[in-house]
Amino acid sequence: MEQQKKKLIHKLRYKYRLILINDETFEENFSFKLTPMNVFVGFSSSLVSLTILIILLIFFTPLKEYVPGYTDTQTKRNIQQLLFKADSLEESLKAKETYYKNLLDIMNGGNGLTDSISSPKKASSKITKSNTGEKELAFRNEFEKNSSSKKSDSKPEITADYKNLFLMTPTKGLISKPFNPGENHFAIDIASIPEAPIKAVQEGTVIFADWTPEAGKTIVIQHTNNLISIYKHNSALLKKVGMFVGTGEVVAIVGNTGEYTTGTHLHLELWENGKALNPEELLTF
């Protein structure tokens, strides 16, 4: 075994001469001595150096993005931000849907849908003897009985006659679809020119101004005497929720937004305590 090792070492260290000769003149141009050991070491060093260079190029240049399964740090941050935005948009959409359902329920004569998240629990109004004296408790009970009897004896409020109220025509145009409750069309459609201004039929407070899938950009105004006006399919909304508008003040622009639109027009609804009114009987066209 030792002799074989010595022979192998001797072969690895055996010197060879590499000569480059001109093929035509046979002139020696270049020559140097080589050993198998030098060739092996040189080839291994070159391979290691090339490997290190490739690794450095991949990790410190944009080439690393082409490595399967690798994700850039900035890309991860962008994905996280998009996930947060998607969650916030989902929560906002749920809140808008709840608000829209509450609004529809109120316009239909209901008291609004309960929301356990936004509405705090009402504290109990019961009075116990441990917290209040007997005389005060008796006085309050008597007062409540008197107030309840007065309410029962009082006459109900008289509904306002909206035909005698002054309501301004919201925009110029022709009625393309009349008021027809039988077809669940509790409004009139006013065909108008694009980008025409829409005016408030009466002074009031904006209680809804946002986009809905069916009606597009919609604005709702609460007027006096429980009168509500709704303007749908607008191209732009010029007022925000909570703003007070006067009679004839421009609140939106005629458009063609929403899934249920049939062209450039204004979808106008008037409601009184959950009852739909015919705008043709109250406005002049």
Protein backbone atom coordinates (compact mmCIF):
# COMPACT_ATOMS: atom_id res chain seq x y z
CA MET A 1 0.00 0.00 0.00
CA GLU A 2 2.77 2.42 0.90
CA GLN A 3 4.52 1.79 -2.40
CA GLN A 4 1.31 2.45 -4.32
CA LYS A 5 0.83 5.73 -2.44
CA LYS A 6 4.40 6.75 -3.21
CA LYS A 7 3.88 5.94 -6.89
CA LEU A 8 0.65 7.96 -6.95
CA ILE A 9 2.33 10.94 -5.30
CA HIS A 10 5.24 10.63 -7.69
CA LYS A 11 2.86 10.65 -10.68
CA LEU A 12 1.03 13.69 -9.33
CA ARG A 13 4.31 15.52 -8.96
CA TYR A 14 5.76 14.40 -12.26
CA LYS A 15 6.51 17.44 -14.40
CA TYR A 16 5.24 17.96 -17.92
CA ARG A 17 5.95 20.76 -20.34
CA LEU A 18 3.18 22.41 -22.31
CA ILE A 19 4.51 23.97 -25.52
CA LEU A 20 2.67 26.16 -28.02
CA ILE A 21 4.30 25.99 -31.50
CA ASN A 22 3.49 27.89 -34.65
CA ASP A 23 2.09 25.39 -37.11
CA GLU A 24 3.74 26.97 -40.14
CA THR A 25 7.16 28.01 -38.87
CA PHE A 26 7.42 25.51 -36.01
CA GLU A 27 8.58 28.38 -33.85
CA GLU A 28 8.08 27.92 -30.12
CA ASN A 29 5.76 30.70 -28.90
CA PHE A 30 5.00 29.71 -25.34
CA SER A 31 5.89 26.93 -22.93
CA PHE A 32 5.55 26.21 -19.21
CA LYS A 33 5.85 23.28 -16.89
CA LEU A 34 2.83 21.50 -15.41
CA THR A 35 2.17 18.77 -12.91
CA PRO A 36 -1.06 16.83 -12.44
CA MET A 37 -1.22 18.29 -8.94
CA ASN A 38 -1.03 21.87 -10.25
CA VAL A 39 -3.73 21.15 -12.83
CA PHE A 40 -6.04 19.65 -10.21
CA VAL A 41 -5.48 22.53 -7.77
CA GLY A 42 -5.95 25.16 -10.47
CA PHE A 43 -9.15 23.57 -11.78
CA SER A 44 -10.60 23.18 -8.26
CA SER A 45 -9.71 26.79 -7.38
CA SER A 46 -11.35 28.06 -10.56
CA LEU A 47 -14.50 26.03 -9.90
CA VAL A 48 -14.77 27.29 -6.30
CA SER A 49 -14.16 30.89 -7.39
CA LEU A 50 -16.81 30.61 -10.11
CA THR A 51 -19.31 29.14 -7.62
CA ILE A 52 -18.67 31.95 -5.11
CA LEU A 53 -19.04 34.56 -7.86
CA ILE A 54 -22.39 33.10 -8.97
CA ILE A 55 -23.67 33.03 -5.38
CA LEU A 56 -22.64 36.67 -4.86
CA LEU A 57 -24.33 37.69 -8.09
CA ILE A 58 -27.56 35.98 -7.05
CA PHE A 59 -27.75 37.37 -3.51
CA PHE A 60 -26.51 40.91 -4.15
CA THR A 61 -28.08 41.67 -7.53
CA PRO A 62 -31.69 41.64 -8.85
CA LEU A 63 -30.99 38.15 -10.26
CA LYS A 64 -32.18 36.69 -6.95
CA GLU A 65 -35.78 37.53 -7.91
CA TYR A 66 -35.58 34.87 -10.63
CA VAL A 67 -34.75 32.11 -8.14
CA PRO A 68 -37.83 29.85 -7.71
CA GLY A 69 -39.44 30.25 -4.29
CA TYR A 70 -37.57 33.45 -3.37
CA THR A 71 -39.61 36.55 -2.46
CA ASP A 72 -38.15 40.01 -2.14
CA THR A 73 -38.49 41.76 1.23
CA GLN A 74 -40.23 44.73 -0.36
CA THR A 75 -42.64 42.38 -2.10
CA LYS A 76 -43.47 40.76 1.24
CA ARG A 77 -44.15 44.18 2.75
CA ASN A 78 -46.37 45.11 -0.18
CA ILE A 79 -48.31 41.86 0.20
CA GLN A 80 -48.81 42.52 3.92
CA GLN A 81 -50.00 46.06 3.23
CA LEU A 82 -52.41 44.79 0.59
CA LEU A 83 -53.78 42.21 3.04
CA PHE A 84 -54.32 44.92 5.67
CA LYS A 85 -56.03 47.15 3.11
CA ALA A 86 -58.24 44.26 1.97
CA ASP A 87 -59.30 43.59 5.57
CA SER A 88 -60.06 47.27 6.19
CA LEU A 89 -62.01 47.50 2.94
CA GLU A 90 -64.01 44.42 3.89
CA GLU A 91 -64.87 45.91 7.29
CA SER A 92 -65.77 49.23 5.65
CA LEU A 93 -67.98 47.45 3.11
CA LYS A 94 -69.80 45.59 5.89
CA ALA A 95 -70.37 48.87 7.75
CA LYS A 96 -71.71 50.51 4.56
CA GLU A 97 -74.06 47.60 3.93
CA THR A 98 -75.35 47.77 7.51
CA TYR A 99 -75.85 51.54 7.22
CA TYR A 100 -77.66 51.12 3.89
CA LYS A 101 -79.96 48.42 5.34
CA ASN A 102 -80.73 50.64 8.34
CA LEU A 103 -81.57 53.51 6.00
CA LEU A 104 -83.89 51.35 3.91
CA ASP A 105 -85.58 50.03 7.04
CA ILE A 106 -86.14 53.58 8.34
CA MET A 107 -87.57 54.72 4.98
CA ASN A 108 -89.95 51.74 5.06
CA GLY A 109 -91.32 52.87 8.42
CA GLY A 110 -89.16 50.74 10.72
CA ASN A 111 -86.97 51.75 13.61
CA GLY A 112 -83.72 50.66 12.04
CA LEU A 113 -81.83 47.43 12.43
CA THR A 114 -80.00 46.79 15.67
CA ASP A 115 -76.21 46.83 15.56
CA SER A 116 -74.54 45.24 18.60
CA ILE A 117 -71.14 46.61 17.62
CA SER A 118 -71.93 50.29 17.21
CA SER A 119 -74.90 50.73 19.54
CA PRO A 120 -74.10 50.55 23.27
CA LYS A 121 -76.36 48.62 25.55
CA LYS A 122 -78.99 50.71 27.22
CA ALA A 123 -78.68 50.93 30.93
CA SER A 124 -81.59 49.75 32.99
CA SER A 125 -83.90 52.57 34.02
CA LYS A 126 -85.49 50.72 36.90
CA ILE A 127 -85.37 52.51 40.25
CA THR A 128 -85.00 50.47 43.40
CA LYS A 129 -85.87 51.48 46.93
CA SER A 130 -82.26 51.04 48.01
CA ASN A 131 -81.17 53.87 45.69
CA THR A 132 -84.13 56.22 46.14
CA GLY A 133 -86.39 57.13 49.01
CA GLU A 134 -89.98 55.93 49.16
CA LYS A 135 -91.40 59.44 48.75
CA GLU A 136 -89.32 60.16 45.67
CA LEU A 137 -90.25 56.77 44.21
CA ALA A 138 -93.97 57.43 44.74
CA PHE A 139 -93.67 60.89 43.21
CA ARG A 140 -91.96 59.51 40.11
CA ASN A 141 -94.52 56.74 39.68
CA GLU A 142 -97.35 59.26 39.88
CA PHE A 143 -95.61 61.56 37.42
CA GLU A 144 -95.13 58.69 34.95
CA LYS A 145 -98.81 57.75 35.20
CA ASN A 146 -99.90 61.33 34.56
CA SER A 147 -97.55 61.72 31.59
CA SER A 148 -98.68 58.42 30.06
CA SER A 149 -102.36 59.36 30.45
CA LYS A 150 -101.73 62.69 28.77
CA LYS A 151 -100.02 60.99 25.87
CA SER A 152 -102.90 58.55 25.44
CA ASP A 153 -105.47 61.37 25.51
CA SER A 154 -103.57 63.59 23.11
CA LYS A 155 -104.54 63.51 19.46
CA PRO A 156 -102.14 62.09 16.89
CA GLU A 157 -100.09 64.49 14.86
CA ILE A 158 -101.66 65.60 11.63
CA THR A 159 -99.75 64.47 8.55
CA ALA A 160 -98.44 67.37 6.50
CA ASP A 161 -100.01 68.03 3.14
CA TYR A 162 -96.99 68.01 0.86
CA LYS A 163 -99.03 69.19 -2.08
CA ASN A 164 -99.11 72.63 -0.46
CA LEU A 165 -95.33 72.71 0.12
CA PHE A 166 -92.95 74.40 -2.25
CA LEU A 167 -90.61 71.83 -3.77
CA MET A 168 -88.10 72.80 -6.43
CA THR A 169 -87.65 70.70 -9.55
CA PRO A 170 -84.22 69.04 -9.17
CA THR A 171 -83.18 69.16 -12.85
CA LYS A 172 -84.48 69.93 -16.31
CA GLY A 173 -85.61 67.07 -18.49
CA LEU A 174 -88.41 64.75 -19.52
CA ILE A 175 -89.95 61.97 -17.45
CA SER A 176 -88.82 58.76 -19.11
CA LYS A 177 -90.42 56.42 -16.56
CA PRO A 178 -93.32 57.49 -14.31
CA PHE A 179 -94.15 56.59 -10.72
CA ASN A 180 -95.57 53.03 -10.68
CA PRO A 181 -95.78 51.22 -7.29
CA GLY A 182 -97.31 48.18 -9.01
CA GLU A 183 -93.97 47.53 -10.70
CA ASN A 184 -92.01 48.44 -7.56
CA HIS A 185 -90.90 51.68 -9.19
CA PHE A 186 -91.37 54.14 -6.34
CA ALA A 187 -89.80 57.02 -8.22
CA ILE A 188 -89.71 58.92 -11.48
CA ASP A 189 -86.85 58.81 -13.96
CA ILE A 190 -85.96 62.20 -15.43
CA ALA A 191 -84.01 61.96 -18.69
CA SER A 192 -81.59 64.87 -18.78
CA ILE A 193 -78.45 65.98 -20.56
CA PRO A 194 -75.15 64.56 -19.25
CA GLU A 195 -73.41 66.52 -16.49
CA ALA A 196 -76.55 68.54 -15.74
CA PRO A 197 -76.74 69.88 -12.15
CA ILE A 198 -79.10 68.30 -9.63
CA LYS A 199 -80.65 70.61 -7.04
CA ALA A 200 -82.18 69.83 -3.65
CA VAL A 201 -85.98 69.90 -3.79
CA GLN A 202 -86.07 71.47 -0.32
CA GLU A 203 -83.65 72.46 2.42
CA GLY A 204 -82.43 69.68 4.66
CA THR A 205 -79.49 67.62 5.91
CA VAL A 206 -77.57 65.04 3.88
CA ILE A 207 -77.89 61.66 5.63
CA PHE A 208 -76.31 59.47 2.93
CA ALA A 209 -73.82 60.25 0.16
CA ASP A 210 -71.95 57.27 -1.25
CA TRP A 211 -71.73 54.68 -4.01
CA THR A 212 -73.93 51.56 -4.11
CA PRO A 213 -73.67 48.69 -6.63
CA GLU A 214 -77.29 48.96 -7.81
CA ALA A 215 -77.91 52.73 -7.72
CA GLY A 216 -74.38 54.01 -8.33
CA LYS A 217 -73.54 57.33 -6.70
CA THR A 218 -76.51 58.16 -4.47
CA ILE A 219 -77.34 61.07 -2.18
CA VAL A 220 -80.19 61.15 0.37
CA ILE A 221 -81.49 64.33 2.06
CA GLN A 222 -83.65 64.49 5.20
CA HIS A 223 -86.10 67.42 5.05
CA THR A 224 -88.57 68.76 7.56
CA ASN A 225 -91.84 66.94 8.38
CA ASN A 226 -90.18 63.51 7.87
CA LEU A 227 -89.77 64.07 4.13
CA ILE A 228 -86.82 62.30 2.48
CA SER A 229 -85.59 62.83 -1.08
CA ILE A 230 -83.29 60.34 -2.84
CA TYR A 231 -81.22 61.05 -5.97
CA LYS A 232 -79.64 58.02 -7.72
CA HIS A 233 -77.32 57.17 -10.66
CA ASN A 234 -75.30 60.40 -10.36
CA SER A 235 -71.89 60.89 -11.95
CA ALA A 236 -70.61 62.97 -9.02
CA LEU A 237 -71.69 63.87 -5.48
CA LEU A 238 -71.05 67.45 -4.35
CA LYS A 239 -72.16 67.16 -0.71
CA LYS A 240 -71.13 64.96 2.20
CA VAL A 241 -73.03 63.35 5.07
CA GLY A 242 -73.98 65.86 7.76
CA MET A 243 -73.94 68.92 5.50
CA PHE A 244 -76.96 71.25 5.47
CA VAL A 245 -78.23 72.25 2.01
CA GLY A 246 -80.71 74.92 1.02
CA THR A 247 -83.60 74.71 -1.40
CA GLY A 248 -82.26 74.68 -4.95
CA GLU A 249 -78.65 74.13 -3.92
CA VAL A 250 -76.70 71.87 -6.30
CA VAL A 251 -75.96 68.55 -4.58
CA ALA A 252 -74.97 66.22 -7.45
CA ILE A 253 -74.42 65.83 -11.20
CA VAL A 254 -76.63 63.79 -13.54
CA GLY A 255 -74.92 60.56 -14.59
CA ASN A 256 -75.28 56.94 -15.60
CA THR A 257 -73.77 54.93 -12.70
CA GLY A 258 -74.98 51.71 -11.09
CA GLU A 259 -76.13 48.32 -12.36
CA TYR A 260 -79.82 49.28 -12.69
CA THR A 261 -79.31 52.37 -14.81
CA THR A 262 -80.82 52.60 -18.29
CA GLY A 263 -79.00 55.69 -19.54
CA THR A 264 -78.20 59.21 -18.44
CA HIS A 265 -81.03 60.19 -16.11
CA LEU A 266 -81.99 61.08 -12.54
CA HIS A 267 -83.86 58.55 -10.42
CA LEU A 268 -85.82 60.69 -7.93
CA GLU A 269 -87.67 59.25 -4.90
CA LEU A 270 -89.72 61.07 -2.24
CA TRP A 271 -90.68 59.31 1.00
CA GLU A 272 -92.88 60.31 3.94
CA ASN A 273 -92.70 58.11 7.06
CA GLY A 274 -91.99 55.00 4.98
CA LYS A 275 -94.59 55.85 2.31
CA ALA A 276 -93.51 56.59 -1.23
CA LEU A 277 -94.87 59.83 -2.76
CA ASN A 278 -95.40 60.55 -6.44
CA PRO A 279 -92.96 63.35 -7.35
CA GLU A 280 -95.09 64.28 -10.38
CA GLU A 281 -97.84 65.48 -8.03
CA LEU A 282 -95.41 67.70 -6.09
CA LEU A 283 -93.09 69.07 -8.80
CA THR A 284 -93.57 71.04 -11.98
CA PHE A 285 -92.01 69.74 -15.21
